[in-house]
PDB file of N, CA and C in Angstrom:
ATOM      1  N   UNK A   1     -21.831 -19.944 -79.092  1.00  0.00           N
ATOM      2  CA  UNK A   1     -21.899 -19.639 -77.391  1.00  0.00           C
ATOM      3  C   UNK A   1     -22.883 -20.075 -76.504  1.00  0.00           C
ATOM      4  N   UNK A   2     -24.128 -20.010 -77.365  1.00  0.00           N
ATOM      5  CA  UNK A   2     -25.388 -20.701 -76.321  1.00  0.00           C
ATOM      6  C   UNK A   2     -25.117 -22.125 -76.143  1.00  0.00           C
ATOM      7  N   UNK A   3     -24.864 -22.657 -76.904  1.00  0.00           N
ATOM      8  CA  UNK A   3     -24.174 -24.115 -76.638  1.00  0.00           C
ATOM      9  C   UNK A   3     -23.881 -24.422 -75.463  1.00  0.00           C
ATOM     10  N   UNK A   4     -22.619 -23.321 -75.057  1.00  0.00           N
ATOM     11  CA  UNK A   4     -21.413 -23.405 -74.142  1.00  0.00           C
ATOM     12  C   UNK A   4     -22.019 -22.866 -72.783  1.00  0.00           C
ATOM     13  N   UNK A   5     -23.142 -22.190 -73.172  1.00  0.00           N
ATOM     14  CA  UNK A   5     -24.080 -21.588 -71.868  1.00  0.00           C
ATOM     15  C   UNK A   5     -25.051 -22.705 -71.421  1.00  0.00           C
ATOM     16  N   UNK A   6     -25.793 -23.413 -72.262  1.00  0.00           N
ATOM     17  CA  UNK A   6     -26.187 -24.431 -71.871  1.00  0.00           C
ATOM     18  C   UNK A   6     -25.483 -25.533 -71.182  1.00  0.00           C
ATOM     19  N   UNK A   7     -24.569 -25.622 -71.477  1.00  0.00           N
ATOM     20  CA  UNK A   7     -23.974 -26.579 -70.602  1.00  0.00           C
ATOM     21  C   UNK A   7     -23.730 -26.708 -69.398  1.00  0.00           C
ATOM     22  N   UNK A   8     -23.185 -25.370 -69.571  1.00  0.00           N
ATOM     23  CA  UNK A   8     -22.795 -24.319 -68.199  1.00  0.00           C
ATOM     24  C   UNK A   8     -23.968 -24.600 -66.872  1.00  0.00           C
ATOM     25  N   UNK A   9     -25.049 -24.117 -67.409  1.00  0.00           N
ATOM     26  CA  UNK A   9     -26.336 -24.104 -66.886  1.00  0.00           C
ATOM     27  C   UNK A   9     -26.805 -25.525 -66.374  1.00  0.00           C
ATOM     28  N   UNK A  10     -26.731 -26.645 -67.195  1.00  0.00           N
ATOM     29  CA  UNK A  10     -26.937 -27.957 -67.005  1.00  0.00           C
ATOM     30  C   UNK A  10     -26.084 -28.773 -65.840  1.00  0.00           C
ATOM     31  N   UNK A  11     -24.815 -28.129 -66.257  1.00  0.00           N
ATOM     32  CA  UNK A  11     -23.599 -28.765 -64.991  1.00  0.00           C
ATOM     33  C   UNK A  11     -24.113 -28.191 -64.116  1.00  0.00           C
ATOM     34  N   UNK A  12     -24.450 -26.903 -63.883  1.00  0.00           N
ATOM     35  CA  UNK A  12     -24.670 -25.851 -62.577  1.00  0.00           C
ATOM     36  C   UNK A  12     -25.851 -26.847 -61.922  1.00  0.00           C
ATOM     37  N   UNK A  13     -26.912 -26.896 -62.364  1.00  0.00           N
ATOM     38  CA  UNK A  13     -28.204 -27.716 -62.131  1.00  0.00           C
ATOM     39  C   UNK A  13     -27.781 -29.051 -61.558  1.00  0.00           C
ATOM     40  N   UNK A  14     -27.080 -30.340 -61.955  1.00  0.00           N
ATOM     41  CA  UNK A  14     -26.777 -31.621 -61.997  1.00  0.00           C
ATOM     42  C   UNK A  14     -25.428 -31.686 -60.736  1.00  0.00           C
ATOM     43  N   UNK A  15     -25.284 -30.340 -60.557  1.00  0.00           N
ATOM     44  CA  UNK A  15     -23.991 -30.576 -59.519  1.00  0.00           C
ATOM     45  C   UNK A  15     -25.108 -30.427 -58.046  1.00  0.00           C
ATOM     46  N   UNK A  16     -25.924 -29.594 -58.119  1.00  0.00           N
ATOM     47  CA  UNK A  16     -26.677 -29.597 -56.956  1.00  0.00           C
ATOM     48  C   UNK A  16     -27.086 -30.976 -56.580  1.00  0.00           C
ATOM     49  N   UNK A  17     -27.636 -31.478 -57.453  1.00  0.00           N
ATOM     50  CA  UNK A  17     -28.386 -32.999 -56.809  1.00  0.00           C
ATOM     51  C   UNK A  17     -27.437 -34.339 -56.579  1.00  0.00           C
ATOM     52  N   UNK A  18     -25.818 -33.726 -56.423  1.00  0.00           N
ATOM     53  CA  UNK A  18     -24.725 -34.734 -55.676  1.00  0.00           C
ATOM     54  C   UNK A  18     -25.166 -34.636 -54.613  1.00  0.00           C
ATOM     55  N   UNK A  19     -25.027 -36.384 -53.980  1.00  0.00           N
ATOM     56  CA  UNK A  19     -25.226 -36.631 -52.697  1.00  0.00           C
ATOM     57  C   UNK A  19     -23.880 -36.635 -51.614  1.00  0.00           C
ATOM     58  N   UNK A  20     -22.847 -36.427 -52.189  1.00  0.00           N
ATOM     59  CA  UNK A  20     -21.751 -36.434 -51.816  1.00  0.00           C
ATOM     60  C   UNK A  20     -20.941 -34.955 -51.861  1.00  0.00           C
ATOM     61  N   UNK A  21     -19.877 -34.845 -50.811  1.00  0.00           N
ATOM     62  CA  UNK A  21     -19.437 -33.584 -51.021  1.00  0.00           C
ATOM     63  C   UNK A  21     -18.917 -32.842 -49.972  1.00  0.00           C
ATOM     64  N   UNK A  22     -19.113 -31.678 -49.816  1.00  0.00           N
ATOM     65  CA  UNK A  22     -17.782 -31.090 -48.476  1.00  0.00           C
ATOM     66  C   UNK A  22     -18.794 -30.878 -47.459  1.00  0.00           C
ATOM     67  N   UNK A  23     -20.093 -30.937 -47.578  1.00  0.00           N
ATOM     68  CA  UNK A  23     -20.941 -30.251 -46.381  1.00  0.00           C
ATOM     69  C   UNK A  23     -21.510 -31.353 -46.235  1.00  0.00           C
ATOM     70  N   UNK A  24     -21.512 -33.016 -46.708  1.00  0.00           N
ATOM     71  CA  UNK A  24     -22.546 -33.959 -46.192  1.00  0.00           C
ATOM     72  C   UNK A  24     -20.957 -34.752 -45.235  1.00  0.00           C
ATOM     73  N   UNK A  25     -21.046 -34.482 -44.116  1.00  0.00           N
ATOM     74  CA  UNK A  25     -20.222 -35.234 -43.309  1.00  0.00           C
ATOM     75  C   UNK A  25     -21.569 -35.534 -42.121  1.00  0.00           C
ATOM     76  N   UNK A  26     -20.194 -36.701 -41.370  1.00  0.00           N
ATOM     77  CA  UNK A  26     -20.921 -37.338 -39.992  1.00  0.00           C
ATOM     78  C   UNK A  26     -20.435 -36.139 -39.017  1.00  0.00           C
ATOM     79  N   UNK A  27     -21.609 -35.019 -38.347  1.00  0.00           N
ATOM     80  CA  UNK A  27     -20.918 -34.322 -37.353  1.00  0.00           C
ATOM     81  C   UNK A  27     -21.624 -34.791 -36.011  1.00  0.00           C
ATOM     82  N   UNK A  28     -20.772 -34.592 -35.255  1.00  0.00           N
ATOM     83  CA  UNK A  28     -21.368 -34.961 -33.693  1.00  0.00           C
ATOM     84  C   UNK A  28     -22.985 -34.138 -33.344  1.00  0.00           C
ATOM     85  N   UNK A  29     -23.518 -35.039 -32.742  1.00  0.00           N
ATOM     86  CA  UNK A  29     -24.940 -34.478 -31.875  1.00  0.00           C
ATOM     87  C   UNK A  29     -24.464 -33.337 -30.983  1.00  0.00           C
ATOM     88  N   UNK A  30     -24.617 -32.097 -30.808  1.00  0.00           N
ATOM     89  CA  UNK A  30     -24.498 -31.323 -30.133  1.00  0.00           C
ATOM     90  C   UNK A  30     -25.473 -31.375 -28.947  1.00  0.00           C
ATOM     91  N   UNK A  31     -26.753 -32.004 -29.234  1.00  0.00           N
ATOM     92  CA  UNK A  31     -27.557 -32.119 -28.204  1.00  0.00           C
ATOM     93  C   UNK A  31     -27.772 -33.479 -27.251  1.00  0.00           C
ATOM     94  N   UNK A  32     -27.155 -34.390 -27.754  1.00  0.00           N
ATOM     95  CA  UNK A  32     -26.753 -35.501 -26.909  1.00  0.00           C
ATOM     96  C   UNK A  32     -25.616 -35.230 -25.721  1.00  0.00           C
ATOM     97  N   UNK A  33     -25.832 -35.329 -24.480  1.00  0.00           N
ATOM     98  CA  UNK A  33     -25.600 -35.362 -23.379  1.00  0.00           C
ATOM     99  C   UNK A  33     -25.109 -36.485 -22.851  1.00  0.00           C
ATOM    100  N   UNK A  34     -23.790 -37.015 -22.898  1.00  0.00           N
ATOM    101  CA  UNK A  34     -22.993 -38.305 -21.917  1.00  0.00           C
ATOM    102  C   UNK A  34     -23.112 -37.961 -20.513  1.00  0.00           C
ATOM    103  N   UNK A  35     -23.563 -38.897 -19.478  1.00  0.00           N
ATOM    104  CA  UNK A  35     -22.626 -38.589 -18.239  1.00  0.00           C
ATOM    105  C   UNK A  35     -21.778 -39.682 -17.963  1.00  0.00           C
ATOM    106  N   UNK A  36     -20.978 -39.109 -17.255  1.00  0.00           N
ATOM    107  CA  UNK A  36     -19.521 -39.852 -16.725  1.00  0.00           C
ATOM    108  C   UNK A  36     -19.478 -39.856 -15.418  1.00  0.00           C
ATOM    109  N   UNK A  37     -18.610 -40.609 -15.465  1.00  0.00           N
ATOM    110  CA  UNK A  37     -18.705 -40.623 -13.442  1.00  0.00           C
ATOM    111  C   UNK A  37     -17.710 -39.635 -13.094  1.00  0.00           C
ATOM    112  N   UNK A  38     -18.280 -38.929 -12.064  1.00  0.00           N
ATOM    113  CA  UNK A  38     -17.455 -37.667 -11.303  1.00  0.00           C
ATOM    114  C   UNK A  38     -15.696 -38.260 -11.630  1.00  0.00           C
ATOM    115  N   UNK A  39     -14.748 -37.185 -11.532  1.00  0.00           N
ATOM    116  CA  UNK A  39     -13.549 -37.496 -10.820  1.00  0.00           C
ATOM    117  C   UNK A  39     -13.049 -37.836  -9.671  1.00  0.00           C
ATOM    118  N   UNK A  40     -12.772 -38.535  -8.885  1.00  0.00           N
ATOM    119  CA  UNK A  40     -12.346 -39.107  -7.099  1.00  0.00           C
ATOM    120  C   UNK A  40     -11.309 -38.996  -7.318  1.00  0.00           C
ATOM    121  N   UNK A  41     -10.310 -37.857  -6.743  1.00  0.00           N
ATOM    122  CA  UNK A  41      -9.154 -37.700  -6.309  1.00  0.00           C
ATOM    123  C   UNK A  41      -9.230 -38.516  -4.877  1.00  0.00           C
ATOM    124  N   UNK A  42      -8.166 -39.421  -5.257  1.00  0.00           N
ATOM    125  CA  UNK A  42      -8.463 -40.195  -3.804  1.00  0.00           C
ATOM    126  C   UNK A  42      -7.168 -39.337  -2.795  1.00  0.00           C
ATOM    127  N   UNK A  43      -7.523 -39.486  -1.373  1.00  0.00           N
ATOM    128  CA  UNK A  43      -6.487 -38.625  -0.387  1.00  0.00           C
ATOM    129  C   UNK A  43      -5.079 -38.911  -0.381  1.00  0.00           C
ATOM    130  N   UNK A  44      -4.438 -38.164   0.022  1.00  0.00           N
ATOM    131  CA  UNK A  44      -3.030 -38.313   0.171  1.00  0.00           C
ATOM    132  C   UNK A  44      -2.646 -39.065   1.618  1.00  0.00           C
ATOM    133  N   UNK A  45      -2.414 -40.018   1.896  1.00  0.00           N
ATOM    134  CA  UNK A  45      -2.469 -40.591   3.399  1.00  0.00           C
ATOM    135  C   UNK A  45      -1.073 -40.438   3.785  1.00  0.00           C
ATOM    136  N   UNK A  46      -0.079 -39.873   3.039  1.00  0.00           N
ATOM    137  CA  UNK A  46       1.310 -39.604   3.758  1.00  0.00           C
ATOM    138  C   UNK A  46       1.417 -37.932   4.508  1.00  0.00           C
ATOM    139  N   UNK A  47       0.148 -37.115   4.118  1.00  0.00           N
ATOM    140  CA  UNK A  47       0.230 -36.065   4.340  1.00  0.00           C
ATOM    141  C   UNK A  47      -0.545 -35.847   5.771  1.00  0.00           C
ATOM    142  N   UNK A  48       0.055 -35.141   6.992  1.00  0.00           N
ATOM    143  CA  UNK A  48      -0.397 -34.901   7.849  1.00  0.00           C
ATOM    144  C   UNK A  48      -0.769 -34.085   8.195  1.00  0.00           C
ATOM    145  N   UNK A  49      -2.188 -33.961   9.154  1.00  0.00           N
ATOM    146  CA  UNK A  49      -2.499 -32.707   9.106  1.00  0.00           C
ATOM    147  C   UNK A  49      -1.823 -31.286   9.932  1.00  0.00           C
ATOM    148  N   UNK A  50      -2.258 -30.037  10.073  1.00  0.00           N
ATOM    149  CA  UNK A  50      -0.774 -29.454  10.673  1.00  0.00           C
ATOM    150  C   UNK A  50      -1.397 -29.169  11.882  1.00  0.00           C
ATOM    151  N   UNK A  51      -0.095 -29.322  13.113  1.00  0.00           N
ATOM    152  CA  UNK A  51      -0.240 -29.229  14.419  1.00  0.00           C
ATOM    153  C   UNK A  51      -0.787 -27.735  14.818  1.00  0.00           C
ATOM    154  N   UNK A  52      -2.110 -27.638  16.118  1.00  0.00           N
ATOM    155  CA  UNK A  52      -2.154 -26.714  16.470  1.00  0.00           C
ATOM    156  C   UNK A  52      -1.416 -25.477  16.932  1.00  0.00           C
ATOM    157  N   UNK A  53      -1.364 -24.549  16.564  1.00  0.00           N
ATOM    158  CA  UNK A  53      -0.863 -23.358  17.319  1.00  0.00           C
ATOM    159  C   UNK A  53       1.200 -23.459  16.118  1.00  0.00           C
ATOM    160  N   UNK A  54       1.228 -24.373  15.131  1.00  0.00           N
ATOM    161  CA  UNK A  54       2.284 -24.243  14.559  1.00  0.00           C
ATOM    162  C   UNK A  54       2.426 -22.897  13.327  1.00  0.00           C
ATOM    163  N   UNK A  55       3.577 -22.529  12.997  1.00  0.00           N
ATOM    164  CA  UNK A  55       3.546 -21.571  12.124  1.00  0.00           C
ATOM    165  C   UNK A  55       3.318 -22.351  10.743  1.00  0.00           C
ATOM    166  N   UNK A  56       3.023 -20.968   9.934  1.00  0.00           N
ATOM    167  CA  UNK A  56       3.036 -21.811   8.443  1.00  0.00           C
ATOM    168  C   UNK A  56       3.655 -22.317   7.980  1.00  0.00           C
ATOM    169  N   UNK A  57       3.426 -23.008   6.538  1.00  0.00           N
ATOM    170  CA  UNK A  57       4.487 -23.813   5.861  1.00  0.00           C
ATOM    171  C   UNK A  57       5.225 -22.814   4.926  1.00  0.00           C
ATOM    172  N   UNK A  58       4.030 -21.833   4.315  1.00  0.00           N
ATOM    173  CA  UNK A  58       4.536 -20.399   3.834  1.00  0.00           C
ATOM    174  C   UNK A  58       4.942 -19.253   4.286  1.00  0.00           C
ATOM    175  N   UNK A  59       5.947 -19.313   4.441  1.00  0.00           N
ATOM    176  CA  UNK A  59       6.572 -17.855   4.816  1.00  0.00           C
ATOM    177  C   UNK A  59       6.896 -16.886   4.177  1.00  0.00           C
ATOM    178  N   UNK A  60       7.104 -17.190   2.770  1.00  0.00           N
ATOM    179  CA  UNK A  60       7.268 -15.888   1.884  1.00  0.00           C
ATOM    180  C   UNK A  60       6.027 -15.450   1.153  1.00  0.00           C
ATOM    181  N   UNK A  61       5.710 -14.438   0.597  1.00  0.00           N
ATOM    182  CA  UNK A  61       4.638 -13.702   0.052  1.00  0.00           C
ATOM    183  C   UNK A  61       4.599 -14.292  -1.235  1.00  0.00           C
ATOM    184  N   UNK A  62       3.480 -13.768  -1.761  1.00  0.00           N
ATOM    185  CA  UNK A  62       3.277 -14.649  -2.997  1.00  0.00           C
ATOM    186  C   UNK A  62       3.923 -14.122  -4.396  1.00  0.00           C
ATOM    187  N   UNK A  63       3.997 -12.659  -4.333  1.00  0.00           N
ATOM    188  CA  UNK A  63       5.146 -11.609  -5.035  1.00  0.00           C
ATOM    189  C   UNK A  63       6.465 -12.521  -4.989  1.00  0.00           C
ATOM    190  N   UNK A  64       7.224 -12.679  -4.111  1.00  0.00           N
ATOM    191  CA  UNK A  64       8.716 -13.704  -3.977  1.00  0.00           C
ATOM    192  C   UNK A  64       8.191 -14.815  -4.798  1.00  0.00           C
ATOM    193  N   UNK A  65       7.484 -15.426  -4.038  1.00  0.00           N
ATOM    194  CA  UNK A  65       7.349 -16.975  -5.095  1.00  0.00           C
ATOM    195  C   UNK A  65       7.276 -16.620  -6.660  1.00  0.00           C
ATOM    196  N   UNK A  66       6.169 -15.601  -7.123  1.00  0.00           N
ATOM    197  CA  UNK A  66       6.432 -15.577  -8.470  1.00  0.00           C
ATOM    198  C   UNK A  66       8.004 -15.320  -9.305  1.00  0.00           C
ATOM    199  N   UNK A  67       8.476 -14.567  -8.208  1.00  0.00           N
ATOM    200  CA  UNK A  67      10.099 -13.754  -9.310  1.00  0.00           C
ATOM    201  C   UNK A  67      10.549 -15.071  -8.688  1.00  0.00           C
ATOM    202  N   UNK A  68      10.823 -15.680  -7.987  1.00  0.00           N
ATOM    203  CA  UNK A  68      11.603 -17.156  -7.957  1.00  0.00           C
ATOM    204  C   UNK A  68      11.617 -18.065  -8.944  1.00  0.00           C
ATOM    205  N   UNK A  69       9.738 -18.217  -8.963  1.00  0.00           N
ATOM    206  CA  UNK A  69       9.577 -19.447 -10.395  1.00  0.00           C
ATOM    207  C   UNK A  69       9.574 -18.863 -11.654  1.00  0.00           C
ATOM    208  N   UNK A  70      10.040 -17.324 -12.071  1.00  0.00           N
ATOM    209  CA  UNK A  70      10.038 -17.036 -13.130  1.00  0.00           C
ATOM    210  C   UNK A  70      11.688 -16.990 -13.151  1.00  0.00           C
ATOM    211  N   UNK A  71      12.432 -16.621 -12.268  1.00  0.00           N
ATOM    212  CA  UNK A  71      13.705 -15.666 -12.812  1.00  0.00           C
ATOM    213  C   UNK A  71      14.852 -16.803 -11.916  1.00  0.00           C
ATOM    214  N   UNK A  72      14.323 -17.667 -10.841  1.00  0.00           N
ATOM    215  CA  UNK A  72      15.081 -18.652 -10.402  1.00  0.00           C
ATOM    216  C   UNK A  72      15.540 -17.827  -9.081  1.00  0.00           C
ATOM    217  N   UNK A  73      15.468 -16.730  -8.761  1.00  0.00           N
ATOM    218  CA  UNK A  73      16.441 -16.384  -7.656  1.00  0.00           C
ATOM    219  C   UNK A  73      17.326 -15.492  -7.963  1.00  0.00           C
ATOM    220  N   UNK A  74      17.993 -14.864  -7.002  1.00  0.00           N
ATOM    221  CA  UNK A  74      19.145 -14.248  -7.382  1.00  0.00           C
ATOM    222  C   UNK A  74      20.500 -15.176  -8.371  1.00  0.00           C
ATOM    223  N   UNK A  75      20.939 -14.560  -8.768  1.00  0.00           N
ATOM    224  CA  UNK A  75      22.515 -15.063  -9.721  1.00  0.00           C
ATOM    225  C   UNK A  75      23.531 -15.130  -8.634  1.00  0.00           C
ATOM    226  N   UNK A  76      24.534 -16.021  -8.671  1.00  0.00           N
ATOM    227  CA  UNK A  76      25.676 -15.736  -7.728  1.00  0.00           C
ATOM    228  C   UNK A  76      26.458 -14.856  -8.378  1.00  0.00           C
ATOM    229  N   UNK A  77      27.274 -13.993  -7.337  1.00  0.00           N
ATOM    230  CA  UNK A  77      28.078 -12.929  -7.851  1.00  0.00           C
ATOM    231  C   UNK A  77      29.707 -13.311  -8.460  1.00  0.00           C
ATOM    232  N   UNK A  78      29.889 -12.693  -9.006  1.00  0.00           N
ATOM    233  CA  UNK A  78      31.421 -13.493  -9.813  1.00  0.00           C
ATOM    234  C   UNK A  78      32.521 -12.349  -9.272  1.00  0.00           C
ATOM    235  N   UNK A  79      33.363 -13.324  -9.467  1.00  0.00           N
ATOM    236  CA  UNK A  79      34.858 -12.777  -8.572  1.00  0.00           C
ATOM    237  C   UNK A  79      35.086 -11.016  -8.628  1.00  0.00           C
ATOM    238  N   UNK A  80      34.862 -10.769 -10.116  1.00  0.00           N
ATOM    239  CA  UNK A  80      34.859  -9.423 -10.061  1.00  0.00           C
ATOM    240  C   UNK A  80      34.101  -8.134  -9.341  1.00  0.00           C
ATOM    241  N   UNK A  81      32.928  -8.807  -9.162  1.00  0.00           N
ATOM    242  CA  UNK A  81      31.811  -8.007  -8.198  1.00  0.00           C
ATOM    243  C   UNK A  81      32.451  -8.176  -6.574  1.00  0.00           C
ATOM    244  N   UNK A  82      32.742  -8.980  -6.127  1.00  0.00           N
ATOM    245  CA  UNK A  82      33.303  -9.124  -4.742  1.00  0.00           C
ATOM    246  C   UNK A  82      34.589  -7.902  -4.246  1.00  0.00           C
TER     247      UNK A  82
END
């Protein structure tokens, strides 16, 4: 019994000296900051500015637009409903 306990104790001590394992990985440096070029969005040259005094392009309110986007608008009526 003492031999088994001694082998387990020596094995536990030697496993602590191992150089490889689960926690010995290359991890990214969280303090290293890299500067990248800013994102530049080119202008849309096909888009013309709105004329003064013209009506707005969006005539529907946002709740109607949301319902239209989610459900696709009203369903067509069937022949039995007419």
